[in-house]
Structures are given as C-alpha cells and as structure tokens.
Amino acid sequence: MASKGPDGGYRLGAGTRLPPLLFDDAQAVALVIALKVATTSGAGIEEAAARALTTVEQVMPARLRHRIANLHVTAVERPATRPAPEADSTVLMTLGAAVHARETLRFDYLSASASASGSRSAPGAGGDSTDVPPSRRVEPHHLVTWGARWYLVAWDLDRGDWRVFRADRITPRTPTGPGFVPRELPGGDVAAFVAGRFQGADGSGDWPCRGEVILGLPASVVAPHVHDGVVEEFGPHRCRLVLGSWSWPALAAAFGRFDADIEVVGPAELREAFARLARRYGAAATAPSSHR
C-alpha cells in the first residue's frame, strides 16, 4: 500500500508496485532520448536502460510512438573533454524523422565562430556579415552522438560531399524536400566514418595501423575501457570494436586484453599479427623454463 511521503511524494511499502506516472509529450520524448543515449553510456546501466526503453515505448500513445520510432541514434564513444551544448529535442525529432523518411532537409547552420560569440552572423561577400546563418540543403543519413554532442551525418547537395553537422547549430526549415536514394557512406560504417572525421582534430593525427574485430562481450562492458576507438553493439552479448595502434602486433595485443572470443573483420595485416602472436604465445606456454 502506498502512503504520502515526507516531502509530499509517494512512499512505497514492501512488495508494492510503482504508481502510474504521468508525462506530457515533451517529457515523454525527453525520456526516450535519454534512455537511447544511456544504452551506450558505459556507466553500467546499459542493460537496465534498454529494458526501460522497451517498456516506455510499449506504453507510448500512438502519436508519439510513430515520432520516436524515427529517431535512430548511433552512439560513438569518446571521452567528453568539456560541457557540451544542448541540442533541442524538437530539432532532434525533426532530424530523426528526415533520416527515417529519406527526405531532403533544409536548415540554417550557425558557424563555429558565430556559435562561440553567441551571434547569428554569416560571412558574406568581402567578409561582411548578415543576421541570417548560411542555409544548407542536405540528404540526411544518420543521427549520431559523439562525446556528449549530437551530429547529423549528411550529403551536402551544394558542396557535393559528406558533411558532419552539429545538431545544436541547426535550425531546420520546413517543409522538407523531395525523397532521395541513400548513398553509400565512405567505408560503409557510420561509427568509423565519424571517428575518422574527428580523429586527429587535436593535432595528434591518425594511427598508422587500424583494425576491426567482433568481441564476445557486450558493448557496455567494453566501452568504459576504450578511449580512442569505436564500440558498437553487435547483438545481445557481442560488440564491434575498432582500434588503432603504432604496430599490428601491438594492435592485436590491445584487442586480446579483453579476454573474450575474437573474430577478426580486417584488415589482413591484423589477422597475420594475431597468427604471429598465437605462435609466440603457444611457444611460451609449452617451452620449459630455464629459471628453476
């Protein structure tokens, strides 16, 4: 039986169930977005967050269920070095819907300098500024989280190239444009693509050796121990891991530290490095000790 708590809330007795919780539309959307991010947070709550997300989606009213179903998020793990600006949930829902529907998107995009100064200016001819940020026309493909920020991965129609846009700088225009046929992302994988775009942004450059494996561990177990790689869920008890190192043997050893079954995706140099280490480790395990 539930009774009034000390601060006016619920006090639950042993064996009782949670009372019904009431959310408005904005709260419901915020809850789903938070749970989607929490499933790859690396904070030890991933399994519980996934179960909670399933429960919440099942009881959503139809008008919200269809909107939320369009929000597909890829979480790319990276340590956050500074507080990230908030992306408006309405903007995220608009971007997610455009990605899901494969519809051309138009939006105003605030430049990095304007965002830092708090102004909404854009460079014009001769370095002049206007009050309207530059407009973009893109084919949106993926909505991504990276280092606690939200990004849109899209094909820029005016520039004829792939671009990664920060969601907190986007102001969508309506209506959306015509539908499009999805393009093949360079490398075919959004997590590796985004990581590659940001790799070396601090001047460190990319690793000379980079490889990909499937580990027999959940992403939630691996992610807290990966600081400059990419972790992606690959089933209930498996994950895809992309790492870099200075040499192929060192890279193979880095994958082996997780003490799990490993399936090498590529490249061939990584597979050969695993074979060399296997021979060395096998010899070390069977060779008699000379220090007795």
Protein backbone atom coordinates (compact mmCIF):
# COMPACT_ATOMS: atom_id res chain seq x y z
CA MET A 1 0.00 0.00 0.00
CA ALA A 2 1.29 3.47 -0.86
CA SER A 3 1.11 6.41 1.53
CA LYS A 4 2.16 10.05 1.44
CA GLY A 5 5.92 10.53 1.68
CA PRO A 6 7.76 13.06 3.87
CA ASP A 7 8.05 15.59 1.03
CA GLY A 8 4.60 15.07 -0.44
CA GLY A 9 5.64 12.30 -2.86
CA TYR A 10 4.99 8.56 -2.81
CA ARG A 11 6.15 6.28 -0.01
CA LEU A 12 6.02 2.63 -1.08
CA GLY A 13 5.65 -0.24 1.32
CA ALA A 14 7.40 -3.58 0.81
CA GLY A 15 6.02 -5.60 -2.08
CA THR A 16 4.07 -2.72 -3.64
CA ARG A 17 4.27 -1.59 -7.25
CA LEU A 18 5.14 1.82 -8.63
CA PRO A 19 2.03 4.01 -9.05
CA PRO A 20 1.17 5.32 -12.54
CA LEU A 21 3.49 8.10 -13.76
CA LEU A 22 2.13 10.93 -15.88
CA PHE A 23 4.26 12.65 -18.55
CA ASP A 24 3.39 15.34 -21.04
CA ASP A 25 4.54 14.90 -24.66
CA ALA A 26 7.79 16.82 -24.21
CA GLN A 27 8.71 14.82 -21.09
CA ALA A 28 7.95 11.53 -22.85
CA VAL A 29 10.19 12.44 -25.80
CA ALA A 30 12.96 13.59 -23.46
CA LEU A 31 12.73 10.30 -21.54
CA VAL A 32 13.12 8.21 -24.70
CA ILE A 33 16.08 10.27 -25.95
CA ALA A 34 17.81 9.96 -22.58
CA LEU A 35 17.27 6.20 -22.49
CA LYS A 36 18.59 5.74 -26.05
CA VAL A 37 21.80 7.54 -25.09
CA ALA A 38 22.04 5.67 -21.77
CA THR A 39 22.08 2.29 -23.54
CA THR A 40 25.62 3.08 -24.75
CA SER A 41 26.80 5.32 -21.92
CA GLY A 42 29.37 2.93 -20.47
CA ALA A 43 28.11 3.78 -16.99
CA GLY A 44 26.99 0.27 -16.08
CA ILE A 45 23.29 1.00 -16.65
CA GLU A 46 23.06 -0.07 -20.29
CA GLU A 47 21.04 -3.27 -19.83
CA ALA A 48 18.59 -1.61 -17.43
CA ALA A 49 18.25 1.39 -19.76
CA ALA A 50 17.48 -0.90 -22.72
CA ARG A 51 14.78 -2.71 -20.73
CA ALA A 52 13.31 0.58 -19.56
CA LEU A 53 13.30 1.89 -23.14
CA THR A 54 11.36 -1.16 -24.31
CA THR A 55 8.82 -0.70 -21.51
CA VAL A 56 8.34 3.01 -22.18
CA GLU A 57 7.95 2.52 -25.95
CA GLN A 58 5.24 -0.09 -25.39
CA VAL A 59 3.04 2.29 -23.39
CA MET A 60 3.58 5.36 -25.57
CA PRO A 61 0.47 6.79 -27.24
CA ALA A 62 0.37 6.18 -30.99
CA ARG A 63 1.01 9.84 -31.88
CA LEU A 64 4.36 9.74 -30.04
CA ARG A 65 5.28 6.15 -30.86
CA HIS A 66 5.46 6.94 -34.57
CA ARG A 67 7.64 10.02 -33.96
CA ILE A 68 10.01 8.22 -31.62
CA ALA A 69 10.35 5.24 -33.97
CA ASN A 70 12.02 7.61 -36.45
CA LEU A 71 14.77 8.54 -34.01
CA HIS A 72 17.63 6.13 -34.69
CA VAL A 73 20.80 7.02 -32.81
CA THR A 74 24.33 5.73 -33.27
CA ALA A 75 26.48 6.32 -30.20
CA VAL A 76 30.20 6.71 -30.84
CA GLU A 77 32.23 6.50 -27.65
CA ARG A 78 34.74 9.25 -26.83
CA PRO A 79 35.62 10.92 -23.54
CA ALA A 80 33.96 14.31 -23.23
CA THR A 81 36.56 16.99 -22.52
CA ARG A 82 34.19 19.90 -21.89
CA PRO A 83 30.50 20.50 -21.24
CA ALA A 84 28.53 20.01 -24.43
CA PRO A 85 25.82 22.45 -25.56
CA GLU A 86 22.31 21.09 -25.51
CA ALA A 87 20.54 20.14 -28.73
CA ASP A 88 16.84 20.99 -28.81
CA SER A 89 14.71 17.84 -28.61
CA THR A 90 12.35 19.19 -31.28
CA VAL A 91 15.29 19.61 -33.64
CA LEU A 92 16.46 16.06 -32.89
CA MET A 93 13.00 14.70 -33.65
CA THR A 94 12.90 16.66 -36.92
CA LEU A 95 16.33 15.39 -37.96
CA GLY A 96 15.45 11.82 -36.97
CA ALA A 97 12.22 11.96 -38.96
CA ALA A 98 14.04 13.24 -42.06
CA VAL A 99 16.65 10.49 -41.76
CA HIS A 100 13.93 7.87 -41.39
CA ALA A 101 11.84 9.19 -44.30
CA ARG A 102 14.89 9.79 -46.54
CA GLU A 103 13.74 13.32 -47.29
CA THR A 104 15.98 16.20 -48.34
CA LEU A 105 16.45 18.61 -45.43
CA ARG A 106 16.93 22.37 -45.49
CA PHE A 107 18.30 24.17 -42.45
CA ASP A 108 20.15 27.25 -41.28
CA TYR A 109 23.54 26.42 -39.82
CA LEU A 110 25.35 28.55 -37.27
CA SER A 111 29.09 28.76 -37.89
CA ALA A 112 31.60 27.81 -35.20
CA SER A 113 32.73 31.43 -34.72
CA ALA A 114 29.17 32.72 -34.52
CA SER A 115 28.25 29.97 -32.07
CA ALA A 116 31.19 30.84 -29.83
CA SER A 117 30.34 34.56 -29.83
CA GLY A 118 26.61 34.00 -29.45
CA SER A 119 25.83 35.92 -32.66
CA ARG A 120 23.94 34.64 -35.66
CA SER A 121 26.08 36.06 -38.44
CA ALA A 122 27.38 34.51 -41.60
CA PRO A 123 30.25 35.66 -43.82
CA GLY A 124 29.15 37.43 -46.97
CA ALA A 125 30.99 38.99 -49.89
CA GLY A 126 34.08 40.82 -48.79
CA GLY A 127 33.83 39.49 -45.25
CA ASP A 128 30.56 41.26 -44.46
CA SER A 129 28.05 39.66 -42.10
CA THR A 130 24.32 39.20 -42.16
CA ASP A 131 21.80 38.35 -39.48
CA VAL A 132 20.92 35.05 -41.15
CA PRO A 133 23.17 31.99 -40.80
CA PRO A 134 24.11 30.12 -44.01
CA SER A 135 21.48 27.76 -45.37
CA ARG A 136 22.23 24.15 -46.26
CA ARG A 137 20.49 21.55 -48.44
CA VAL A 138 21.42 18.03 -47.48
CA GLU A 139 20.42 14.39 -47.76
CA PRO A 140 20.37 13.29 -44.08
CA HIS A 141 21.65 9.76 -43.46
CA HIS A 142 22.49 9.31 -39.76
CA LEU A 143 21.92 10.99 -36.39
CA VAL A 144 24.95 10.36 -34.19
CA THR A 145 26.13 11.03 -30.63
CA TRP A 146 29.85 11.66 -30.15
CA GLY A 147 31.48 12.94 -26.97
CA ALA A 148 28.11 14.02 -25.47
CA ARG A 149 27.22 16.03 -28.59
CA TRP A 150 24.67 15.29 -31.32
CA TYR A 151 25.65 15.32 -35.00
CA LEU A 152 23.92 14.87 -38.34
CA VAL A 153 25.84 12.92 -40.99
CA ALA A 154 24.58 14.07 -44.37
CA TRP A 155 25.42 14.51 -48.04
CA ASP A 156 25.70 18.24 -48.75
CA LEU A 157 23.96 18.83 -52.10
CA ASP A 158 25.57 22.21 -52.75
CA ARG A 159 29.10 21.10 -51.91
CA GLY A 160 28.86 17.60 -53.36
CA ASP A 161 30.48 15.95 -50.35
CA TRP A 162 29.77 14.32 -47.00
CA ARG A 163 29.49 16.65 -44.00
CA VAL A 164 29.05 16.23 -40.25
CA PHE A 165 26.86 18.96 -38.71
CA ARG A 166 26.42 19.76 -35.03
CA ALA A 167 22.75 19.45 -34.14
CA ASP A 168 22.84 22.32 -31.64
CA ARG A 169 23.75 24.69 -34.51
CA ILE A 170 20.95 23.52 -36.81
CA THR A 171 17.66 25.38 -37.29
CA PRO A 172 15.52 23.26 -39.62
CA ARG A 173 13.39 24.83 -42.32
CA THR A 174 10.01 23.47 -43.31
CA PRO A 175 8.76 21.76 -45.27
CA THR A 176 11.30 19.07 -46.07
CA GLY A 177 12.26 18.48 -49.67
CA PRO A 178 11.82 15.52 -52.01
CA GLY A 179 12.87 11.99 -51.16
CA PHE A 180 16.28 10.63 -52.12
CA VAL A 181 18.01 7.31 -52.67
CA PRO A 182 20.53 6.65 -49.84
CA ARG A 183 24.18 6.96 -50.81
CA GLU A 184 26.96 4.65 -49.73
CA LEU A 185 28.85 6.22 -46.84
CA PRO A 186 32.65 6.11 -47.30
CA GLY A 187 33.81 2.91 -45.64
CA GLY A 188 30.20 1.79 -45.25
CA ASP A 189 30.07 2.35 -41.49
CA VAL A 190 28.82 5.48 -39.74
CA ALA A 191 30.72 4.94 -36.47
CA ALA A 192 34.08 4.51 -38.20
CA PHE A 193 33.30 7.43 -40.53
CA VAL A 194 32.56 9.84 -37.69
CA ALA A 195 35.56 8.66 -35.67
CA GLY A 196 37.75 9.20 -38.74
CA ARG A 197 36.45 12.74 -39.22
CA PHE A 198 37.29 13.66 -35.64
CA GLN A 199 40.50 11.64 -35.33
CA GLY A 200 43.48 13.95 -35.14
CA ALA A 201 41.39 17.09 -34.54
CA ASP A 202 43.80 17.90 -31.69
CA GLY A 203 46.82 17.58 -33.98
CA SER A 204 47.72 14.02 -32.97
CA GLY A 205 46.93 12.53 -36.37
CA ASP A 206 45.58 9.08 -37.12
CA TRP A 207 47.08 5.76 -36.07
CA PRO A 208 49.26 4.07 -38.72
CA CYS A 209 47.54 0.74 -38.00
CA ARG A 210 43.79 0.43 -37.55
CA GLY A 211 41.71 -2.74 -37.37
CA GLU A 212 38.26 -4.08 -36.61
CA VAL A 213 37.09 -7.14 -34.68
CA ILE A 214 33.94 -8.66 -33.20
CA LEU A 215 34.32 -9.31 -29.46
CA GLY A 216 32.33 -11.80 -27.42
CA LEU A 217 31.38 -9.13 -24.88
CA PRO A 218 28.54 -6.58 -24.68
CA ALA A 219 29.36 -3.04 -25.77
CA SER A 220 28.52 -1.82 -22.27
CA VAL A 221 31.40 -3.89 -20.85
CA VAL A 222 33.95 -2.82 -23.48
CA ALA A 223 33.10 0.89 -23.89
CA PRO A 224 34.44 2.12 -20.49
CA HIS A 225 37.90 0.78 -21.41
CA VAL A 226 38.08 2.28 -24.91
CA HIS A 227 39.17 5.91 -25.10
CA ASP A 228 40.09 6.50 -28.75
CA GLY A 229 38.25 3.69 -30.54
CA VAL A 230 34.74 2.96 -31.68
CA VAL A 231 32.40 0.49 -29.94
CA GLU A 232 29.11 -0.64 -31.49
CA GLU A 233 26.54 -3.13 -30.22
CA PHE A 234 26.54 -6.29 -32.35
CA GLY A 235 23.88 -8.42 -30.69
CA PRO A 236 22.97 -9.13 -27.08
CA HIS A 237 26.43 -10.38 -26.00
CA ARG A 238 28.76 -9.19 -28.77
CA CYS A 239 30.14 -5.88 -29.97
CA ARG A 240 32.12 -4.47 -32.85
CA LEU A 241 35.36 -2.73 -31.86
CA VAL A 242 37.63 -0.53 -34.00
CA LEU A 243 41.01 0.43 -32.54
CA GLY A 244 44.30 1.92 -33.72
CA SER A 245 47.93 1.43 -32.70
CA TRP A 246 51.50 2.04 -33.80
CA SER A 247 52.08 -1.55 -34.97
CA TRP A 248 49.98 -4.55 -35.96
CA PRO A 249 51.27 -6.83 -33.14
CA ALA A 250 50.52 -4.08 -30.62
CA LEU A 251 47.04 -3.69 -32.08
CA ALA A 252 46.39 -7.45 -31.88
CA ALA A 253 47.56 -7.44 -28.26
CA ALA A 254 45.24 -4.49 -27.49
CA PHE A 255 42.26 -6.48 -28.72
CA GLY A 256 43.40 -9.54 -26.76
CA ARG A 257 43.37 -7.69 -23.43
CA PHE A 258 39.60 -8.01 -23.24
CA ASP A 259 39.86 -11.77 -22.56
CA ALA A 260 36.99 -12.66 -24.91
CA ASP A 261 36.41 -14.58 -28.14
CA ILE A 262 37.65 -12.54 -31.11
CA GLU A 263 36.52 -12.58 -34.74
CA VAL A 264 38.82 -10.54 -36.98
CA VAL A 265 36.97 -8.42 -39.53
CA GLY A 266 40.08 -6.90 -41.06
CA PRO A 267 42.45 -5.95 -42.44
CA ALA A 268 44.70 -8.87 -43.44
CA GLU A 269 47.66 -7.34 -41.58
CA LEU A 270 45.74 -7.61 -38.31
CA ARG A 271 44.88 -11.25 -38.99
CA GLU A 272 48.57 -12.00 -39.68
CA ALA A 273 49.57 -10.23 -36.46
CA PHE A 274 47.18 -12.43 -34.48
CA ALA A 275 48.76 -15.51 -36.10
CA ARG A 276 52.28 -14.35 -35.16
CA LEU A 277 51.26 -13.67 -31.58
CA ALA A 278 49.48 -17.03 -31.38
CA ARG A 279 52.70 -18.80 -32.38
CA ARG A 280 54.74 -16.81 -29.87
CA TYR A 281 52.27 -17.31 -27.04
CA GLY A 282 51.96 -21.00 -27.87
CA ALA A 283 55.73 -21.42 -27.76
CA ALA A 284 55.91 -19.50 -24.48
CA ALA A 285 53.26 -21.75 -22.92
CA THR A 286 54.99 -25.01 -23.86
CA ALA A 287 58.68 -24.11 -23.58
CA PRO A 288 60.40 -25.40 -20.41
CA SER A 289 61.55 -22.71 -18.04
CA SER A 290 65.31 -22.13 -17.80
CA HIS A 291 64.99 -20.34 -14.45
CA ARG A 292 64.40 -23.16 -12.00
